[in-house]
Amino acid sequence: MTEVCPGCGQLDQVQHVPAVYHGGHSFYRGQGPVSAIPAGDSVGYARAQVSGVAVSAVARSLDPFPPPRRGGGLLAAVFALALVGGCFLALPLSAADDPPPGGGAAEALGIALFSLPSLCVFVAVGTLLWLYVRRVRAHRRQRRGVPAATQLWEQGWFCHRCGGVYFADVRSERLLTPAHFRQLVARAGGYER
């Protein structure tokens, strides 16, 4: 059993944090609005299936996990920029077929100038790859810290009357706000921002 809430001194509106979090997720499934679908000379009607998860504000405020990070945009940008950089590499090759007047120095300067856009693009590709590797490493570090964060998170109790979180085994005189509680959980997991 838990201790009474340090804010209001009551126990009737106190609930374990994991129960509040999981109880704040409701799954729904149904049919969407009717849509008209053109089929040759006639029109057909169909309903789309709709499903999802609704999350309450309290459950969202007690979420123990780090926010998900996406890396697909960085990889798509790397591939697109590498393709553009490859196209820019064709510029110095086309300049080598028709040497400019002025000898070898002018030809070297022309190749260097035509290679500059490609160099800039490949520097950008390298920077994006470096950012992607950093993001993957941060994600791995967060995944390693989730068990420690979950262990602390499971010790919390939420008072619905006061809107605060406290720990029953540590005699506390004050309530923590959900944001401060999440910060403590993130610090325990090592993924604090």
N, C-alpha and C. Protein backbone atom coordinates (compact mmCIF):
# COMPACT_ATOMS: atom_id res chain seq x y z
N MET A 1 0.85 -1.18 0.00
CA MET A 1 0.00 0.00 0.00
C MET A 1 0.88 1.24 0.00
N THR A 2 0.31 2.33 -0.29
CA THR A 2 1.06 3.58 -0.39
C THR A 2 0.75 4.50 0.78
N GLU A 3 1.56 5.50 0.90
CA GLU A 3 1.33 6.55 1.88
C GLU A 3 0.28 7.52 1.34
N VAL A 4 -0.28 8.30 2.22
CA VAL A 4 -1.25 9.31 1.77
C VAL A 4 -0.52 10.39 0.99
N CYS A 5 -1.27 11.12 0.18
CA CYS A 5 -0.70 12.19 -0.63
C CYS A 5 -0.15 13.28 0.28
N PRO A 6 1.09 13.72 0.07
CA PRO A 6 1.64 14.78 0.91
C PRO A 6 0.99 16.13 0.66
N GLY A 7 0.28 16.29 -0.45
CA GLY A 7 -0.37 17.57 -0.75
C GLY A 7 -1.70 17.73 -0.05
N CYS A 8 -2.59 16.74 -0.18
CA CYS A 8 -3.94 16.86 0.36
C CYS A 8 -4.17 15.97 1.57
N GLY A 9 -3.28 15.03 1.85
CA GLY A 9 -3.42 14.15 3.00
C GLY A 9 -4.47 13.07 2.80
N GLN A 10 -4.93 12.85 1.58
CA GLN A 10 -5.96 11.86 1.28
C GLN A 10 -5.35 10.70 0.50
N LEU A 11 -6.10 9.61 0.42
CA LEU A 11 -5.63 8.45 -0.31
C LEU A 11 -6.62 8.00 -1.38
N ASP A 12 -7.83 8.55 -1.37
CA ASP A 12 -8.88 8.05 -2.26
C ASP A 12 -8.65 8.39 -3.74
N GLN A 13 -7.90 9.42 -4.07
CA GLN A 13 -7.65 9.79 -5.46
C GLN A 13 -6.21 9.50 -5.89
N VAL A 14 -5.53 8.62 -5.15
CA VAL A 14 -4.14 8.29 -5.44
C VAL A 14 -4.11 7.01 -6.28
N GLN A 15 -3.27 7.02 -7.32
CA GLN A 15 -3.17 5.88 -8.20
C GLN A 15 -1.70 5.69 -8.61
N HIS A 16 -1.31 4.46 -8.81
CA HIS A 16 0.05 4.13 -9.22
C HIS A 16 0.31 4.74 -10.60
N VAL A 17 1.49 5.33 -10.81
CA VAL A 17 1.79 6.03 -12.06
C VAL A 17 1.64 5.12 -13.29
N PRO A 18 2.14 3.87 -13.28
CA PRO A 18 1.91 3.03 -14.46
C PRO A 18 0.43 2.80 -14.75
N ALA A 19 -0.40 2.70 -13.72
CA ALA A 19 -1.84 2.52 -13.94
C ALA A 19 -2.46 3.76 -14.56
N VAL A 20 -2.02 4.93 -14.12
CA VAL A 20 -2.52 6.18 -14.72
C VAL A 20 -2.11 6.26 -16.18
N TYR A 21 -0.86 5.91 -16.44
CA TYR A 21 -0.33 5.99 -17.81
C TYR A 21 -1.08 5.03 -18.74
N HIS A 22 -1.17 3.78 -18.34
CA HIS A 22 -1.82 2.79 -19.20
C HIS A 22 -3.33 3.01 -19.28
N GLY A 23 -3.93 3.49 -18.21
CA GLY A 23 -5.37 3.77 -18.23
C GLY A 23 -5.71 4.99 -19.07
N GLY A 24 -4.74 5.82 -19.36
CA GLY A 24 -4.98 7.01 -20.16
C GLY A 24 -4.89 6.76 -21.65
N HIS A 25 -4.68 5.52 -22.06
CA HIS A 25 -4.64 5.15 -23.47
C HIS A 25 -5.92 4.40 -23.81
N SER A 26 -6.67 4.93 -24.73
CA SER A 26 -7.87 4.22 -25.18
C SER A 26 -7.77 3.98 -26.68
N PHE A 27 -8.08 2.76 -27.06
CA PHE A 27 -7.99 2.34 -28.45
C PHE A 27 -9.38 2.42 -29.07
N TYR A 28 -9.45 2.90 -30.27
CA TYR A 28 -10.74 2.99 -30.95
C TYR A 28 -10.62 2.45 -32.36
N ARG A 29 -11.76 2.00 -32.86
CA ARG A 29 -11.86 1.48 -34.22
C ARG A 29 -13.28 1.73 -34.69
N GLY A 30 -13.40 2.15 -35.92
CA GLY A 30 -14.73 2.42 -36.46
C GLY A 30 -14.66 2.68 -37.94
N GLN A 31 -15.75 3.24 -38.44
CA GLN A 31 -15.81 3.57 -39.85
C GLN A 31 -15.83 5.08 -40.01
N GLY A 32 -15.13 5.53 -41.03
CA GLY A 32 -15.07 6.95 -41.32
C GLY A 32 -16.24 7.39 -42.17
N PRO A 33 -16.18 8.60 -42.66
CA PRO A 33 -17.28 9.11 -43.49
C PRO A 33 -17.32 8.41 -44.85
N VAL A 34 -18.47 8.52 -45.50
CA VAL A 34 -18.66 7.92 -46.82
C VAL A 34 -17.89 8.74 -47.85
N SER A 35 -17.17 8.05 -48.72
CA SER A 35 -16.42 8.70 -49.79
C SER A 35 -16.93 8.23 -51.13
N ALA A 36 -17.06 9.15 -52.06
CA ALA A 36 -17.47 8.81 -53.42
C ALA A 36 -16.23 8.46 -54.23
N ILE A 37 -16.29 7.33 -54.93
CA ILE A 37 -15.17 6.86 -55.73
C ILE A 37 -15.64 6.74 -57.18
N PRO A 38 -15.06 7.54 -58.09
CA PRO A 38 -15.48 7.43 -59.49
C PRO A 38 -15.02 6.10 -60.08
N ALA A 39 -15.95 5.42 -60.78
CA ALA A 39 -15.65 4.13 -61.41
C ALA A 39 -16.23 4.15 -62.83
N GLY A 40 -15.48 4.69 -63.76
CA GLY A 40 -15.97 4.80 -65.14
C GLY A 40 -17.07 5.82 -65.24
N ASP A 41 -18.25 5.38 -65.73
CA ASP A 41 -19.39 6.29 -65.85
C ASP A 41 -20.22 6.38 -64.59
N SER A 42 -19.97 5.53 -63.62
CA SER A 42 -20.76 5.56 -62.40
C SER A 42 -19.88 5.95 -61.21
N VAL A 43 -20.50 6.03 -60.06
CA VAL A 43 -19.81 6.41 -58.83
C VAL A 43 -20.08 5.35 -57.78
N GLY A 44 -19.03 4.89 -57.12
CA GLY A 44 -19.18 3.94 -56.03
C GLY A 44 -18.96 4.66 -54.70
N TYR A 45 -19.50 4.09 -53.67
CA TYR A 45 -19.37 4.68 -52.35
C TYR A 45 -18.69 3.70 -51.41
N ALA A 46 -17.81 4.21 -50.58
CA ALA A 46 -17.07 3.35 -49.65
C ALA A 46 -16.83 4.09 -48.34
N ARG A 47 -16.68 3.30 -47.31
CA ARG A 47 -16.32 3.85 -46.00
C ARG A 47 -14.93 3.36 -45.64
N ALA A 48 -14.14 4.25 -45.12
CA ALA A 48 -12.78 3.89 -44.70
C ALA A 48 -12.81 3.41 -43.26
N GLN A 49 -11.96 2.44 -42.96
CA GLN A 49 -11.80 1.99 -41.58
C GLN A 49 -10.90 2.97 -40.85
N VAL A 50 -11.31 3.35 -39.67
CA VAL A 50 -10.55 4.30 -38.85
C VAL A 50 -10.19 3.61 -37.55
N SER A 51 -8.92 3.70 -37.17
CA SER A 51 -8.50 3.15 -35.88
C SER A 51 -7.34 3.99 -35.36
N GLY A 52 -7.14 3.92 -34.07
CA GLY A 52 -6.06 4.69 -33.48
C GLY A 52 -6.04 4.58 -31.97
N VAL A 53 -5.24 5.42 -31.37
CA VAL A 53 -5.10 5.47 -29.92
C VAL A 53 -5.29 6.90 -29.48
N ALA A 54 -6.16 7.11 -28.51
CA ALA A 54 -6.34 8.42 -27.90
C ALA A 54 -5.60 8.41 -26.56
N VAL A 55 -4.78 9.42 -26.32
CA VAL A 55 -3.98 9.49 -25.10
C VAL A 55 -4.42 10.72 -24.31
N SER A 56 -4.74 10.51 -23.03
CA SER A 56 -5.15 11.63 -22.19
C SER A 56 -3.95 12.52 -21.88
N ALA A 57 -4.24 13.74 -21.48
CA ALA A 57 -3.17 14.69 -21.16
C ALA A 57 -2.36 14.23 -19.95
N VAL A 58 -3.02 13.62 -18.97
CA VAL A 58 -2.30 13.13 -17.79
C VAL A 58 -1.37 11.99 -18.18
N ALA A 59 -1.84 11.07 -19.01
CA ALA A 59 -0.98 9.97 -19.44
C ALA A 59 0.19 10.49 -20.25
N ARG A 60 -0.05 11.48 -21.08
CA ARG A 60 1.03 12.06 -21.88
C ARG A 60 2.05 12.75 -20.97
N SER A 61 1.58 13.38 -19.91
CA SER A 61 2.51 14.09 -19.01
C SER A 61 3.33 13.13 -18.15
N LEU A 62 2.88 11.88 -18.03
CA LEU A 62 3.61 10.89 -17.23
C LEU A 62 4.37 9.87 -18.08
N ASP A 63 4.50 10.13 -19.36
CA ASP A 63 5.18 9.21 -20.28
C ASP A 63 6.65 9.08 -19.88
N PRO A 64 7.13 7.86 -19.58
CA PRO A 64 8.50 7.70 -19.11
C PRO A 64 9.53 7.59 -20.23
N PHE A 65 9.09 7.40 -21.44
CA PHE A 65 10.01 7.07 -22.52
C PHE A 65 10.48 8.32 -23.24
N PRO A 66 11.69 8.28 -23.79
CA PRO A 66 12.18 9.45 -24.54
C PRO A 66 11.37 9.61 -25.82
N PRO A 67 11.27 10.83 -26.31
CA PRO A 67 10.52 11.03 -27.55
C PRO A 67 11.19 10.30 -28.70
N PRO A 68 10.40 9.69 -29.57
CA PRO A 68 11.00 8.96 -30.69
C PRO A 68 11.68 9.91 -31.65
N ARG A 69 12.77 9.44 -32.22
CA ARG A 69 13.51 10.24 -33.18
C ARG A 69 13.50 9.51 -34.51
N ARG A 70 13.40 10.27 -35.55
CA ARG A 70 13.37 9.68 -36.89
C ARG A 70 14.65 10.06 -37.62
N GLY A 71 15.15 9.11 -38.37
CA GLY A 71 16.38 9.36 -39.12
C GLY A 71 16.21 9.21 -40.61
N GLY A 72 15.01 8.87 -41.06
CA GLY A 72 14.78 8.66 -42.47
C GLY A 72 14.99 9.90 -43.31
N GLY A 73 14.66 11.05 -42.78
CA GLY A 73 14.85 12.29 -43.53
C GLY A 73 16.31 12.59 -43.78
N LEU A 74 17.15 12.30 -42.79
CA LEU A 74 18.58 12.52 -42.97
C LEU A 74 19.16 11.58 -44.03
N LEU A 75 18.73 10.32 -43.98
CA LEU A 75 19.24 9.38 -44.98
C LEU A 75 18.76 9.72 -46.38
N ALA A 76 17.52 10.16 -46.50
CA ALA A 76 17.01 10.57 -47.81
C ALA A 76 17.79 11.78 -48.34
N ALA A 77 18.10 12.72 -47.45
CA ALA A 77 18.88 13.89 -47.86
C ALA A 77 20.30 13.49 -48.28
N VAL A 78 20.90 12.53 -47.58
CA VAL A 78 22.24 12.06 -47.94
C VAL A 78 22.23 11.46 -49.34
N PHE A 79 21.25 10.59 -49.62
CA PHE A 79 21.19 9.97 -50.94
C PHE A 79 20.92 10.99 -52.03
N ALA A 80 20.02 11.94 -51.77
CA ALA A 80 19.73 12.96 -52.78
C ALA A 80 20.95 13.85 -53.04
N LEU A 81 21.62 14.26 -51.96
CA LEU A 81 22.80 15.10 -52.14
C LEU A 81 23.95 14.34 -52.81
N ALA A 82 24.09 13.06 -52.50
CA ALA A 82 25.13 12.28 -53.16
C ALA A 82 24.85 12.17 -54.66
N LEU A 83 23.60 12.03 -55.01
CA LEU A 83 23.23 11.99 -56.43
C LEU A 83 23.53 13.33 -57.11
N VAL A 84 23.19 14.43 -56.45
CA VAL A 84 23.48 15.76 -57.00
C VAL A 84 24.98 15.97 -57.11
N GLY A 85 25.73 15.55 -56.08
CA GLY A 85 27.18 15.69 -56.12
C GLY A 85 27.80 14.89 -57.25
N GLY A 86 27.24 13.71 -57.51
CA GLY A 86 27.72 12.91 -58.63
C GLY A 86 27.46 13.59 -59.97
N CYS A 87 26.31 14.26 -60.07
CA CYS A 87 26.02 15.01 -61.30
C CYS A 87 26.99 16.19 -61.46
N PHE A 88 27.32 16.84 -60.35
CA PHE A 88 28.26 17.96 -60.43
C PHE A 88 29.67 17.49 -60.80
N LEU A 89 30.00 16.22 -60.52
CA LEU A 89 31.30 15.70 -60.91
C LEU A 89 31.44 15.59 -62.43
N ALA A 90 30.33 15.52 -63.11
CA ALA A 90 30.38 15.46 -64.58
C ALA A 90 30.81 16.79 -65.18
N LEU A 91 30.67 17.89 -64.45
CA LEU A 91 31.07 19.20 -64.97
C LEU A 91 32.57 19.29 -65.28
N PRO A 92 33.47 18.91 -64.33
CA PRO A 92 34.90 19.00 -64.68
C PRO A 92 35.29 18.03 -65.79
N LEU A 93 34.60 16.90 -65.89
CA LEU A 93 34.92 15.96 -66.96
C LEU A 93 34.53 16.53 -68.32
N SER A 94 33.43 17.28 -68.37
CA SER A 94 33.03 17.89 -69.64
C SER A 94 33.96 19.05 -70.00
N ALA A 95 34.54 19.70 -69.00
CA ALA A 95 35.46 20.80 -69.28
C ALA A 95 36.81 20.27 -69.77
N ALA A 96 37.15 19.03 -69.43
CA ALA A 96 38.44 18.47 -69.85
C ALA A 96 38.46 18.15 -71.34
N ASP A 97 37.29 17.93 -71.94
CA ASP A 97 37.24 17.62 -73.38
C ASP A 97 37.63 18.81 -74.24
N ASP A 98 37.29 19.99 -73.81
CA ASP A 98 37.56 21.21 -74.60
C ASP A 98 38.41 22.13 -73.74
N PRO A 99 39.74 22.03 -73.78
CA PRO A 99 40.59 22.85 -72.90
C PRO A 99 40.46 24.33 -73.24
N PRO A 100 40.47 25.18 -72.22
CA PRO A 100 40.36 26.61 -72.46
C PRO A 100 41.68 27.17 -72.98
N PRO A 101 41.64 28.31 -73.64
CA PRO A 101 42.89 28.94 -74.06
C PRO A 101 43.65 29.44 -72.83
N GLY A 102 44.93 29.36 -72.85
CA GLY A 102 45.72 29.86 -71.74
C GLY A 102 46.61 28.80 -71.14
N GLY A 103 46.57 27.60 -71.62
CA GLY A 103 47.51 26.59 -71.18
C GLY A 103 47.01 25.77 -70.01
N GLY A 104 47.98 25.09 -69.37
CA GLY A 104 47.68 24.15 -68.29
C GLY A 104 47.16 24.82 -67.03
N ALA A 105 47.64 26.04 -66.71
CA ALA A 105 47.19 26.72 -65.50
C ALA A 105 45.72 27.09 -65.61
N ALA A 106 45.30 27.56 -66.76
CA ALA A 106 43.89 27.91 -66.95
C ALA A 106 43.03 26.66 -66.91
N GLU A 107 43.55 25.55 -67.44
CA GLU A 107 42.79 24.30 -67.41
C GLU A 107 42.63 23.80 -65.97
N ALA A 108 43.69 23.88 -65.18
CA ALA A 108 43.62 23.46 -63.77
C ALA A 108 42.66 24.35 -62.99
N LEU A 109 42.68 25.67 -63.26
CA LEU A 109 41.76 26.59 -62.59
C LEU A 109 40.32 26.29 -62.99
N GLY A 110 40.10 25.99 -64.24
CA GLY A 110 38.75 25.67 -64.70
C GLY A 110 38.22 24.39 -64.07
N ILE A 111 39.07 23.37 -63.99
CA ILE A 111 38.64 22.12 -63.35
C ILE A 111 38.36 22.34 -61.87
N ALA A 112 39.20 23.16 -61.21
CA ALA A 112 38.98 23.44 -59.79
C ALA A 112 37.67 24.19 -59.58
N LEU A 113 37.38 25.17 -60.44
CA LEU A 113 36.13 25.92 -60.30
C LEU A 113 34.91 25.04 -60.58
N PHE A 114 35.02 24.17 -61.56
CA PHE A 114 33.89 23.29 -61.86
C PHE A 114 33.72 22.20 -60.80
N SER A 115 34.78 21.87 -60.07
CA SER A 115 34.71 20.86 -59.02
C SER A 115 34.21 21.43 -57.70
N LEU A 116 34.23 22.74 -57.54
CA LEU A 116 33.83 23.37 -56.28
C LEU A 116 32.39 23.04 -55.87
N PRO A 117 31.38 23.12 -56.75
CA PRO A 117 30.03 22.76 -56.30
C PRO A 117 29.94 21.31 -55.83
N SER A 118 30.62 20.40 -56.51
CA SER A 118 30.61 19.00 -56.10
C SER A 118 31.26 18.84 -54.73
N LEU A 119 32.35 19.53 -54.50
CA LEU A 119 33.02 19.47 -53.20
C LEU A 119 32.10 19.96 -52.09
N CYS A 120 31.40 21.07 -52.34
CA CYS A 120 30.47 21.61 -51.33
C CYS A 120 29.35 20.62 -51.03
N VAL A 121 28.83 19.97 -52.06
CA VAL A 121 27.76 19.00 -51.86
C VAL A 121 28.27 17.81 -51.06
N PHE A 122 29.47 17.33 -51.36
CA PHE A 122 29.99 16.18 -50.63
C PHE A 122 30.37 16.54 -49.19
N VAL A 123 30.72 17.78 -48.93
CA VAL A 123 30.93 18.22 -47.54
C VAL A 123 29.59 18.20 -46.79
N ALA A 124 28.52 18.63 -47.47
CA ALA A 124 27.19 18.57 -46.86
C ALA A 124 26.77 17.12 -46.61
N VAL A 125 27.10 16.21 -47.53
CA VAL A 125 26.79 14.79 -47.34
C VAL A 125 27.54 14.26 -46.12
N GLY A 126 28.79 14.61 -45.98
CA GLY A 126 29.56 14.18 -44.82
C GLY A 126 28.99 14.71 -43.52
N THR A 127 28.55 15.96 -43.53
CA THR A 127 27.95 16.55 -42.33
C THR A 127 26.66 15.84 -41.96
N LEU A 128 25.82 15.55 -42.95
CA LEU A 128 24.57 14.85 -42.68
C LEU A 128 24.82 13.42 -42.18
N LEU A 129 25.81 12.75 -42.74
CA LEU A 129 26.16 11.42 -42.24
C LEU A 129 26.64 11.48 -40.80
N TRP A 130 27.43 12.49 -40.48
CA TRP A 130 27.89 12.67 -39.10
C TRP A 130 26.71 12.90 -38.16
N LEU A 131 25.74 13.72 -38.58
CA LEU A 131 24.55 13.95 -37.75
C LEU A 131 23.74 12.67 -37.58
N TYR A 132 23.65 11.87 -38.64
CA TYR A 132 22.91 10.61 -38.56
C TYR A 132 23.58 9.65 -37.58
N VAL A 133 24.89 9.55 -37.62
CA VAL A 133 25.61 8.67 -36.70
C VAL A 133 25.42 9.14 -35.26
N ARG A 134 25.46 10.45 -35.04
CA ARG A 134 25.20 10.98 -33.69
C ARG A 134 23.81 10.61 -33.21
N ARG A 135 22.83 10.71 -34.10
CA ARG A 135 21.45 10.39 -33.74
C ARG A 135 21.30 8.91 -33.40
N VAL A 136 21.95 8.04 -34.16
CA VAL A 136 21.89 6.61 -33.88
C VAL A 136 22.54 6.30 -32.54
N ARG A 137 23.67 6.91 -32.25
CA ARG A 137 24.34 6.69 -30.96
C ARG A 137 23.49 7.18 -29.80
N ALA A 138 22.86 8.35 -29.96
CA ALA A 138 21.99 8.87 -28.90
C ALA A 138 20.80 7.93 -28.67
N HIS A 139 20.26 7.39 -29.75
CA HIS A 139 19.14 6.46 -29.62
C HIS A 139 19.56 5.19 -28.88
N ARG A 140 20.74 4.68 -29.18
CA ARG A 140 21.24 3.50 -28.47
C ARG A 140 21.44 3.79 -26.99
N ARG A 141 21.96 4.97 -26.68
CA ARG A 141 22.16 5.35 -25.28
C ARG A 141 20.82 5.45 -24.55
N GLN A 142 19.82 6.00 -25.23
CA GLN A 142 18.49 6.09 -24.62
C GLN A 142 17.91 4.71 -24.38
N ARG A 143 18.05 3.80 -25.33
CA ARG A 143 17.51 2.45 -25.19
C ARG A 143 18.17 1.72 -24.02
N ARG A 144 19.46 1.96 -23.80
CA ARG A 144 20.15 1.33 -22.66
C ARG A 144 19.64 1.89 -21.34
N GLY A 145 19.19 3.15 -21.32
CA GLY A 145 18.75 3.77 -20.08
C GLY A 145 17.29 3.54 -19.74
N VAL A 146 16.52 2.98 -20.65
CA VAL A 146 15.08 2.79 -20.41
C VAL A 146 14.81 1.89 -19.20
N PRO A 147 15.52 0.77 -18.97
CA PRO A 147 15.22 -0.04 -17.78
C PRO A 147 15.41 0.72 -16.46
N ALA A 148 16.47 1.51 -16.35
CA ALA A 148 16.68 2.29 -15.12
C ALA A 148 15.60 3.35 -14.95
N ALA A 149 15.22 3.98 -16.05
CA ALA A 149 14.16 4.99 -15.98
C ALA A 149 12.83 4.36 -15.60
N THR A 150 12.54 3.20 -16.17
CA THR A 150 11.28 2.51 -15.87
C THR A 150 11.23 2.07 -14.41
N GLN A 151 12.36 1.67 -13.88
CA GLN A 151 12.40 1.26 -12.48
C GLN A 151 12.01 2.41 -11.55
N LEU A 152 12.53 3.60 -11.80
CA LEU A 152 12.16 4.76 -10.99
C LEU A 152 10.72 5.17 -11.26
N TRP A 153 10.30 5.14 -12.52
CA TRP A 153 8.95 5.53 -12.91
C TRP A 153 7.89 4.67 -12.22
N GLU A 154 8.18 3.39 -12.06
CA GLU A 154 7.22 2.47 -11.44
C GLU A 154 7.07 2.70 -9.94
N GLN A 155 7.92 3.49 -9.33
CA GLN A 155 7.82 3.77 -7.90
C GLN A 155 6.95 4.99 -7.60
N GLY A 156 6.49 5.68 -8.65
CA GLY A 156 5.73 6.91 -8.45
C GLY A 156 4.25 6.67 -8.21
N TRP A 157 3.64 7.61 -7.49
CA TRP A 157 2.20 7.60 -7.23
C TRP A 157 1.66 8.96 -7.64
N PHE A 158 0.50 8.95 -8.28
CA PHE A 158 -0.11 10.17 -8.80
C PHE A 158 -1.38 10.47 -8.02
N CYS A 159 -1.51 11.70 -7.56
CA CYS A 159 -2.73 12.15 -6.87
C CYS A 159 -3.57 12.92 -7.88
N HIS A 160 -4.75 12.39 -8.20
CA HIS A 160 -5.64 13.05 -9.16
C HIS A 160 -6.21 14.34 -8.58
N ARG A 161 -6.34 14.42 -7.29
CA ARG A 161 -6.89 15.61 -6.65
C ARG A 161 -5.89 16.78 -6.74
N CYS A 162 -4.62 16.50 -6.49
CA CYS A 162 -3.61 17.56 -6.48
C CYS A 162 -2.90 17.71 -7.83
N GLY A 163 -2.92 16.65 -8.65
CA GLY A 163 -2.24 16.70 -9.94
C GLY A 163 -0.74 16.56 -9.82
N GLY A 164 -0.27 15.92 -8.76
CA GLY A 164 1.17 15.79 -8.55
C GLY A 164 1.58 14.34 -8.35
N VAL A 165 2.88 14.12 -8.37
CA VAL A 165 3.46 12.79 -8.21
C VAL A 165 4.34 12.79 -6.97
N TYR A 166 4.35 11.66 -6.26
CA TYR A 166 5.24 11.52 -5.11
C TYR A 166 5.70 10.08 -5.04
N PHE A 167 6.71 9.85 -4.22
CA PHE A 167 7.24 8.51 -3.99
C PHE A 167 6.85 8.09 -2.59
N ALA A 168 6.25 6.91 -2.47
CA ALA A 168 5.74 6.47 -1.17
C ALA A 168 6.85 6.02 -0.23
N ASP A 169 7.89 5.39 -0.77
CA ASP A 169 8.94 4.88 0.10
C ASP A 169 9.89 5.97 0.59
N VAL A 170 9.90 7.11 -0.04
CA VAL A 170 10.70 8.24 0.41
C VAL A 170 9.74 9.26 0.99
N ARG A 171 9.80 9.47 2.26
CA ARG A 171 8.87 10.39 2.91
C ARG A 171 9.14 11.81 2.43
N SER A 172 8.24 12.31 1.62
CA SER A 172 8.43 13.63 1.02
C SER A 172 7.37 14.59 1.55
N GLU A 173 7.75 15.81 1.71
CA GLU A 173 6.83 16.83 2.20
C GLU A 173 6.14 17.58 1.06
N ARG A 174 6.58 17.33 -0.17
CA ARG A 174 6.01 18.07 -1.30
C ARG A 174 5.73 17.14 -2.47
N LEU A 175 4.83 17.60 -3.31
CA LEU A 175 4.51 16.88 -4.54
C LEU A 175 5.42 17.35 -5.66
N LEU A 176 5.67 16.45 -6.59
CA LEU A 176 6.41 16.81 -7.79
C LEU A 176 5.40 17.07 -8.90
N THR A 177 5.69 18.05 -9.72
CA THR A 177 4.86 18.24 -10.90
C THR A 177 5.16 17.10 -11.87
N PRO A 178 4.21 16.75 -12.76
CA PRO A 178 4.52 15.70 -13.73
C PRO A 178 5.75 16.01 -14.58
N ALA A 179 5.97 17.27 -14.90
CA ALA A 179 7.15 17.63 -15.70
C ALA A 179 8.44 17.36 -14.91
N HIS A 180 8.44 17.72 -13.62
CA HIS A 180 9.62 17.47 -12.79
C HIS A 180 9.83 15.97 -12.59
N PHE A 181 8.75 15.23 -12.43
CA PHE A 181 8.83 13.77 -12.31
C PHE A 181 9.43 13.16 -13.57
N ARG A 182 8.98 13.60 -14.74
CA ARG A 182 9.55 13.10 -15.99
C ARG A 182 11.02 13.45 -16.11
N GLN A 183 11.39 14.62 -15.61
CA GLN A 183 12.80 15.02 -15.65
C GLN A 183 13.65 14.09 -14.77
N LEU A 184 13.13 13.74 -13.60
CA LEU A 184 13.85 12.80 -12.73
C LEU A 184 13.97 11.42 -13.39
N VAL A 185 12.90 10.98 -14.05
CA VAL A 185 12.92 9.70 -14.74
C VAL A 185 13.93 9.73 -15.89
N ALA A 186 13.93 10.82 -16.64
CA ALA A 186 14.87 10.95 -17.75
C ALA A 186 16.31 11.00 -17.25
N ARG A 187 16.54 11.66 -16.14
CA ARG A 187 17.88 11.72 -15.57
C ARG A 187 18.33 10.33 -15.11
N ALA A 188 17.40 9.56 -14.53
CA ALA A 188 17.74 8.19 -14.12
C ALA A 188 18.07 7.31 -15.32
N GLY A 189 17.42 7.57 -16.46
CA GLY A 189 17.69 6.81 -17.66
C GLY A 189 18.84 7.31 -18.49
N GLY A 190 19.32 8.49 -18.16
CA GLY A 190 20.45 9.06 -18.91
C GLY A 190 20.08 9.72 -20.21
N TYR A 191 18.80 10.00 -20.42
CA TYR A 191 18.41 10.68 -21.66
C TYR A 191 17.77 12.04 -21.39
N GLU A 192 18.26 12.69 -20.36
CA GLU A 192 17.78 14.03 -20.04
C GLU A 192 18.28 15.02 -21.08
N ARG A 193 17.43 15.94 -21.44
CA ARG A 193 17.81 16.96 -22.41
C ARG A 193 18.42 18.13 -21.72
